[in-house]
Amino acid sequence: MEVNHARVIRELRELIAALDRRVPHVERAGEASIASDAAALKEKARRRLAELEREDVRDPR
């Protein structure tokens, strides 16, 4: 199955934007853990986005 870089890039950007919009609810049990997980996911998404963008520059197809 061929990966469509443009689609993955778009979806990663949407994910990052959604995580940016999320407001932590400190009154909820487990929120600190959820916020930490969200921050880690956002960082992984940013790293993957950067990788894909570098690949697109080298091989724009």
PDB file of N, CA and C in Angstrom:
ATOM      1  N   MET A   1       0.840  -1.181   0.000  1.00  0.00           N
ATOM      2  CA  MET A   1       0.000   0.000   0.000  1.00  0.00           C
ATOM      3  C   MET A   1       0.884   1.242   0.000  1.00  0.00           C
ATOM      4  N   GLU A   2       0.684   2.101  -0.957  1.00  0.00           N
ATOM      5  CA  GLU A   2       1.478   3.316  -1.076  1.00  0.00           C
ATOM      6  C   GLU A   2       0.950   4.382  -0.120  1.00  0.00           C
ATOM      7  N   VAL A   3       1.880   5.048   0.548  1.00  0.00           N
ATOM      8  CA  VAL A   3       1.521   6.107   1.479  1.00  0.00           C
ATOM      9  C   VAL A   3       1.446   7.417   0.711  1.00  0.00           C
ATOM     10  N   ASN A   4       0.364   8.120   0.871  1.00  0.00           N
ATOM     11  CA  ASN A   4       0.185   9.418   0.249  1.00  0.00           C
ATOM     12  C   ASN A   4       0.718  10.470   1.220  1.00  0.00           C
ATOM     13  N   HIS A   5       1.949  10.947   0.958  1.00  0.00           N
ATOM     14  CA  HIS A   5       2.590  11.889   1.880  1.00  0.00           C
ATOM     15  C   HIS A   5       1.766  13.142   2.090  1.00  0.00           C
ATOM     16  N   ALA A   6       1.163  13.657   1.038  1.00  0.00           N
ATOM     17  CA  ALA A   6       0.376  14.885   1.168  1.00  0.00           C
ATOM     18  C   ALA A   6      -0.786  14.683   2.138  1.00  0.00           C
ATOM     19  N   ARG A   7      -1.421  13.534   2.045  1.00  0.00           N
ATOM     20  CA  ARG A   7      -2.547  13.253   2.948  1.00  0.00           C
ATOM     21  C   ARG A   7      -2.070  13.093   4.382  1.00  0.00           C
ATOM     22  N   VAL A   8      -0.997  12.368   4.586  1.00  0.00           N
ATOM     23  CA  VAL A   8      -0.465  12.172   5.935  1.00  0.00           C
ATOM     24  C   VAL A   8      -0.033  13.508   6.528  1.00  0.00           C
ATOM     25  N   ILE A   9       0.620  14.339   5.720  1.00  0.00           N
ATOM     26  CA  ILE A   9       1.038  15.666   6.187  1.00  0.00           C
ATOM     27  C   ILE A   9      -0.181  16.474   6.620  1.00  0.00           C
ATOM     28  N   ARG A  10      -1.214  16.473   5.801  1.00  0.00           N
ATOM     29  CA  ARG A  10      -2.444  17.209   6.131  1.00  0.00           C
ATOM     30  C   ARG A  10      -3.056  16.691   7.438  1.00  0.00           C
ATOM     31  N   GLU A  11      -3.109  15.371   7.579  1.00  0.00           N
ATOM     32  CA  GLU A  11      -3.706  14.790   8.783  1.00  0.00           C
ATOM     33  C   GLU A  11      -2.862  15.053  10.029  1.00  0.00           C
ATOM     34  N   LEU A  12      -1.547  15.033   9.886  1.00  0.00           N
ATOM     35  CA  LEU A  12      -0.691  15.366  11.027  1.00  0.00           C
ATOM     36  C   LEU A  12      -0.883  16.825  11.444  1.00  0.00           C
ATOM     37  N   ARG A  13      -1.000  17.706  10.471  1.00  0.00           N
ATOM     38  CA  ARG A  13      -1.258  19.120  10.789  1.00  0.00           C
ATOM     39  C   ARG A  13      -2.594  19.284  11.509  1.00  0.00           C
ATOM     40  N   GLU A  14      -3.608  18.540  11.076  1.00  0.00           N
ATOM     41  CA  GLU A  14      -4.914  18.593  11.733  1.00  0.00           C
ATOM     42  C   GLU A  14      -4.822  18.071  13.164  1.00  0.00           C
ATOM     43  N   LEU A  15      -4.078  16.995  13.355  1.00  0.00           N
ATOM     44  CA  LEU A  15      -3.902  16.433  14.690  1.00  0.00           C
ATOM     45  C   LEU A  15      -3.215  17.440  15.610  1.00  0.00           C
ATOM     46  N   ILE A  16      -2.149  18.044  15.134  1.00  0.00           N
ATOM     47  CA  ILE A  16      -1.413  19.032  15.929  1.00  0.00           C
ATOM     48  C   ILE A  16      -2.327  20.207  16.278  1.00  0.00           C
ATOM     49  N   ALA A  17      -3.106  20.673  15.320  1.00  0.00           N
ATOM     50  CA  ALA A  17      -4.028  21.785  15.579  1.00  0.00           C
ATOM     51  C   ALA A  17      -5.074  21.403  16.623  1.00  0.00           C
ATOM     52  N   ALA A  18      -5.587  20.185  16.532  1.00  0.00           N
ATOM     53  CA  ALA A  18      -6.583  19.729  17.510  1.00  0.00           C
ATOM     54  C   ALA A  18      -5.972  19.645  18.907  1.00  0.00           C
ATOM     55  N   LEU A  19      -4.754  19.160  18.993  1.00  0.00           N
ATOM     56  CA  LEU A  19      -4.094  19.084  20.288  1.00  0.00           C
ATOM     57  C   LEU A  19      -3.815  20.485  20.841  1.00  0.00           C
ATOM     58  N   ASP A  20      -3.513  21.428  19.958  1.00  0.00           N
ATOM     59  CA  ASP A  20      -3.309  22.812  20.384  1.00  0.00           C
ATOM     60  C   ASP A  20      -4.602  23.424  20.933  1.00  0.00           C
ATOM     61  N   ARG A  21      -5.737  23.042  20.367  1.00  0.00           N
ATOM     62  CA  ARG A  21      -7.023  23.590  20.807  1.00  0.00           C
ATOM     63  C   ARG A  21      -7.507  22.986  22.124  1.00  0.00           C
ATOM     64  N   ARG A  22      -6.993  21.817  22.456  1.00  0.00           N
ATOM     65  CA  ARG A  22      -7.468  21.124  23.654  1.00  0.00           C
ATOM     66  C   ARG A  22      -7.113  21.908  24.914  1.00  0.00           C
ATOM     67  N   VAL A  23      -8.114  22.104  25.757  1.00  0.00           N
ATOM     68  CA  VAL A  23      -7.923  22.820  27.012  1.00  0.00           C
ATOM     69  C   VAL A  23      -7.916  21.806  28.149  1.00  0.00           C
ATOM     70  N   PRO A  24      -6.829  21.763  28.927  1.00  0.00           N
ATOM     71  CA  PRO A  24      -6.799  20.825  30.055  1.00  0.00           C
ATOM     72  C   PRO A  24      -7.870  21.168  31.095  1.00  0.00           C
ATOM     73  N   HIS A  25      -8.460  20.157  31.660  1.00  0.00           N
ATOM     74  CA  HIS A  25      -9.469  20.308  32.708  1.00  0.00           C
ATOM     75  C   HIS A  25      -8.887  19.741  33.997  1.00  0.00           C
ATOM     76  N   VAL A  26      -8.216  20.616  34.747  1.00  0.00           N
ATOM     77  CA  VAL A  26      -7.468  20.167  35.925  1.00  0.00           C
ATOM     78  C   VAL A  26      -8.355  19.550  36.992  1.00  0.00           C
ATOM     79  N   GLU A  27      -9.648  19.826  36.948  1.00  0.00           N
ATOM     80  CA  GLU A  27     -10.553  19.270  37.956  1.00  0.00           C
ATOM     81  C   GLU A  27     -10.866  17.790  37.695  1.00  0.00           C
ATOM     82  N   ARG A  28     -10.540  17.298  36.535  1.00  0.00           N
ATOM     83  CA  ARG A  28     -10.833  15.903  36.184  1.00  0.00           C
ATOM     84  C   ARG A  28      -9.716  14.979  36.647  1.00  0.00           C
ATOM     85  N   ALA A  29     -10.111  13.825  37.132  1.00  0.00           N
ATOM     86  CA  ALA A  29      -9.135  12.820  37.551  1.00  0.00           C
ATOM     87  C   ALA A  29      -8.346  12.349  36.331  1.00  0.00           C
ATOM     88  N   GLY A  30      -7.051  12.223  36.486  1.00  0.00           N
ATOM     89  CA  GLY A  30      -6.206  11.719  35.416  1.00  0.00           C
ATOM     90  C   GLY A  30      -5.829  12.759  34.376  1.00  0.00           C
ATOM     91  N   GLU A  31      -6.243  14.011  34.571  1.00  0.00           N
ATOM     92  CA  GLU A  31      -5.996  15.037  33.560  1.00  0.00           C
ATOM     93  C   GLU A  31      -4.517  15.300  33.345  1.00  0.00           C
ATOM     94  N   ALA A  32      -3.729  15.247  34.401  1.00  0.00           N
ATOM     95  CA  ALA A  32      -2.288  15.490  34.248  1.00  0.00           C
ATOM     96  C   ALA A  32      -1.678  14.445  33.310  1.00  0.00           C
ATOM     97  N   SER A  33      -2.108  13.215  33.481  1.00  0.00           N
ATOM     98  CA  SER A  33      -1.608  12.143  32.617  1.00  0.00           C
ATOM     99  C   SER A  33      -2.073  12.339  31.175  1.00  0.00           C
ATOM    100  N   ILE A  34      -3.314  12.737  31.007  1.00  0.00           N
ATOM    101  CA  ILE A  34      -3.857  12.968  29.668  1.00  0.00           C
ATOM    102  C   ILE A  34      -3.106  14.115  28.994  1.00  0.00           C
ATOM    103  N   ALA A  35      -2.880  15.193  29.723  1.00  0.00           N
ATOM    104  CA  ALA A  35      -2.157  16.343  29.175  1.00  0.00           C
ATOM    105  C   ALA A  35      -0.734  15.958  28.784  1.00  0.00           C
ATOM    106  N   SER A  36      -0.105  15.142  29.609  1.00  0.00           N
ATOM    107  CA  SER A  36       1.256  14.690  29.316  1.00  0.00           C
ATOM    108  C   SER A  36       1.278  13.814  28.064  1.00  0.00           C
ATOM    109  N   ASP A  37       0.325  12.908  27.966  1.00  0.00           N
ATOM    110  CA  ASP A  37       0.226  12.048  26.785  1.00  0.00           C
ATOM    111  C   ASP A  37      -0.035  12.871  25.527  1.00  0.00           C
ATOM    112  N   ALA A  38      -0.896  13.883  25.640  1.00  0.00           N
ATOM    113  CA  ALA A  38      -1.208  14.747  24.495  1.00  0.00           C
ATOM    114  C   ALA A  38       0.035  15.507  24.043  1.00  0.00           C
ATOM    115  N   ALA A  39       0.817  16.001  25.004  1.00  0.00           N
ATOM    116  CA  ALA A  39       2.042  16.734  24.665  1.00  0.00           C
ATOM    117  C   ALA A  39       3.044  15.812  23.970  1.00  0.00           C
ATOM    118  N   ALA A  40       3.152  14.576  24.458  1.00  0.00           N
ATOM    119  CA  ALA A  40       4.069  13.615  23.838  1.00  0.00           C
ATOM    120  C   ALA A  40       3.604  13.269  22.422  1.00  0.00           C
ATOM    121  N   LEU A  41       2.309  13.075  22.238  1.00  0.00           N
ATOM    122  CA  LEU A  41       1.764  12.772  20.912  1.00  0.00           C
ATOM    123  C   LEU A  41       2.005  13.934  19.953  1.00  0.00           C
ATOM    124  N   LYS A  42       1.804  15.142  20.438  1.00  0.00           N
ATOM    125  CA  LYS A  42       2.025  16.328  19.617  1.00  0.00           C
ATOM    126  C   LYS A  42       3.481  16.407  19.167  1.00  0.00           C
ATOM    127  N   GLU A  43       4.400  16.131  20.057  1.00  0.00           N
ATOM    128  CA  GLU A  43       5.826  16.169  19.706  1.00  0.00           C
ATOM    129  C   GLU A  43       6.159  15.092  18.679  1.00  0.00           C
ATOM    130  N   LYS A  44       5.617  13.886  18.848  1.00  0.00           N
ATOM    131  CA  LYS A  44       5.850  12.824  17.873  1.00  0.00           C
ATOM    132  C   LYS A  44       5.273  13.205  16.507  1.00  0.00           C
ATOM    133  N   ALA A  45       4.099  13.813  16.511  1.00  0.00           N
ATOM    134  CA  ALA A  45       3.474  14.235  15.258  1.00  0.00           C
ATOM    135  C   ALA A  45       4.318  15.312  14.579  1.00  0.00           C
ATOM    136  N   ARG A  46       4.846  16.244  15.360  1.00  0.00           N
ATOM    137  CA  ARG A  46       5.700  17.299  14.783  1.00  0.00           C
ATOM    138  C   ARG A  46       6.972  16.714  14.171  1.00  0.00           C
ATOM    139  N   ARG A  47       7.583  15.744  14.861  1.00  0.00           N
ATOM    140  CA  ARG A  47       8.798  15.114  14.321  1.00  0.00           C
ATOM    141  C   ARG A  47       8.491  14.376  13.022  1.00  0.00           C
ATOM    142  N   ARG A  48       7.402  13.632  13.001  1.00  0.00           N
ATOM    143  CA  ARG A  48       7.034  12.883  11.791  1.00  0.00           C
ATOM    144  C   ARG A  48       6.688  13.836  10.654  1.00  0.00           C
ATOM    145  N   LEU A  49       5.997  14.915  10.968  1.00  0.00           N
ATOM    146  CA  LEU A  49       5.669  15.920   9.962  1.00  0.00           C
ATOM    147  C   LEU A  49       6.943  16.493   9.354  1.00  0.00           C
ATOM    148  N   ALA A  50       7.912  16.814  10.176  1.00  0.00           N
ATOM    149  CA  ALA A  50       9.186  17.355   9.683  1.00  0.00           C
ATOM    150  C   ALA A  50       9.881  16.339   8.781  1.00  0.00           C
ATOM    151  N   GLU A  51       9.856  15.063   9.152  1.00  0.00           N
ATOM    152  CA  GLU A  51      10.469  14.017   8.320  1.00  0.00           C
ATOM    153  C   GLU A  51       9.797  13.951   6.947  1.00  0.00           C
ATOM    154  N   LEU A  52       8.481  13.943   6.950  1.00  0.00           N
ATOM    155  CA  LEU A  52       7.750  13.844   5.688  1.00  0.00           C
ATOM    156  C   LEU A  52       7.976  15.070   4.811  1.00  0.00           C
ATOM    157  N   GLU A  53       8.032  16.236   5.419  1.00  0.00           N
ATOM    158  CA  GLU A  53       8.276  17.448   4.646  1.00  0.00           C
ATOM    159  C   GLU A  53       9.678  17.442   4.042  1.00  0.00           C
ATOM    160  N   ARG A  54      10.666  16.931   4.782  1.00  0.00           N
ATOM    161  CA  ARG A  54      12.022  16.810   4.227  1.00  0.00           C
ATOM    162  C   ARG A  54      12.030  15.833   3.058  1.00  0.00           C
ATOM    163  N   GLU A  55      11.321  14.711   3.197  1.00  0.00           N
ATOM    164  CA  GLU A  55      11.246  13.733   2.115  1.00  0.00           C
ATOM    165  C   GLU A  55      10.601  14.342   0.873  1.00  0.00           C
ATOM    166  N   ASP A  56       9.561  15.133   1.062  1.00  0.00           N
ATOM    167  CA  ASP A  56       8.883  15.763  -0.072  1.00  0.00           C
ATOM    168  C   ASP A  56       9.794  16.740  -0.795  1.00  0.00           C
ATOM    169  N   VAL A  57      10.656  17.418  -0.064  1.00  0.00           N
ATOM    170  CA  VAL A  57      11.595  18.357  -0.680  1.00  0.00           C
ATOM    171  C   VAL A  57      12.602  17.599  -1.535  1.00  0.00           C
ATOM    172  N   ARG A  58      13.069  16.449  -1.035  1.00  0.00           N
ATOM    173  CA  ARG A  58      14.048  15.649  -1.788  1.00  0.00           C
ATOM    174  C   ARG A  58      13.429  14.927  -2.964  1.00  0.00           C
ATOM    175  N   ASP A  59      12.185  14.484  -2.820  1.00  0.00           N
ATOM    176  CA  ASP A  59      11.525  13.682  -3.847  1.00  0.00           C
ATOM    177  C   ASP A  59      10.079  14.166  -4.015  1.00  0.00           C
ATOM    178  N   PRO A  60       9.880  15.286  -4.705  1.00  0.00           N
ATOM    179  CA  PRO A  60       8.553  15.893  -4.783  1.00  0.00           C
ATOM    180  C   PRO A  60       7.508  15.120  -5.604  1.00  0.00           C
ATOM    181  N   ARG A  61       7.871  14.059  -6.291  1.00  0.00           N
ATOM    182  CA  ARG A  61       6.964  13.222  -7.087  1.00  0.00           C
ATOM    183  C   ARG A  61       5.988  14.058  -7.824  1.00  0.00           C
TER     184      ARG A  61
END
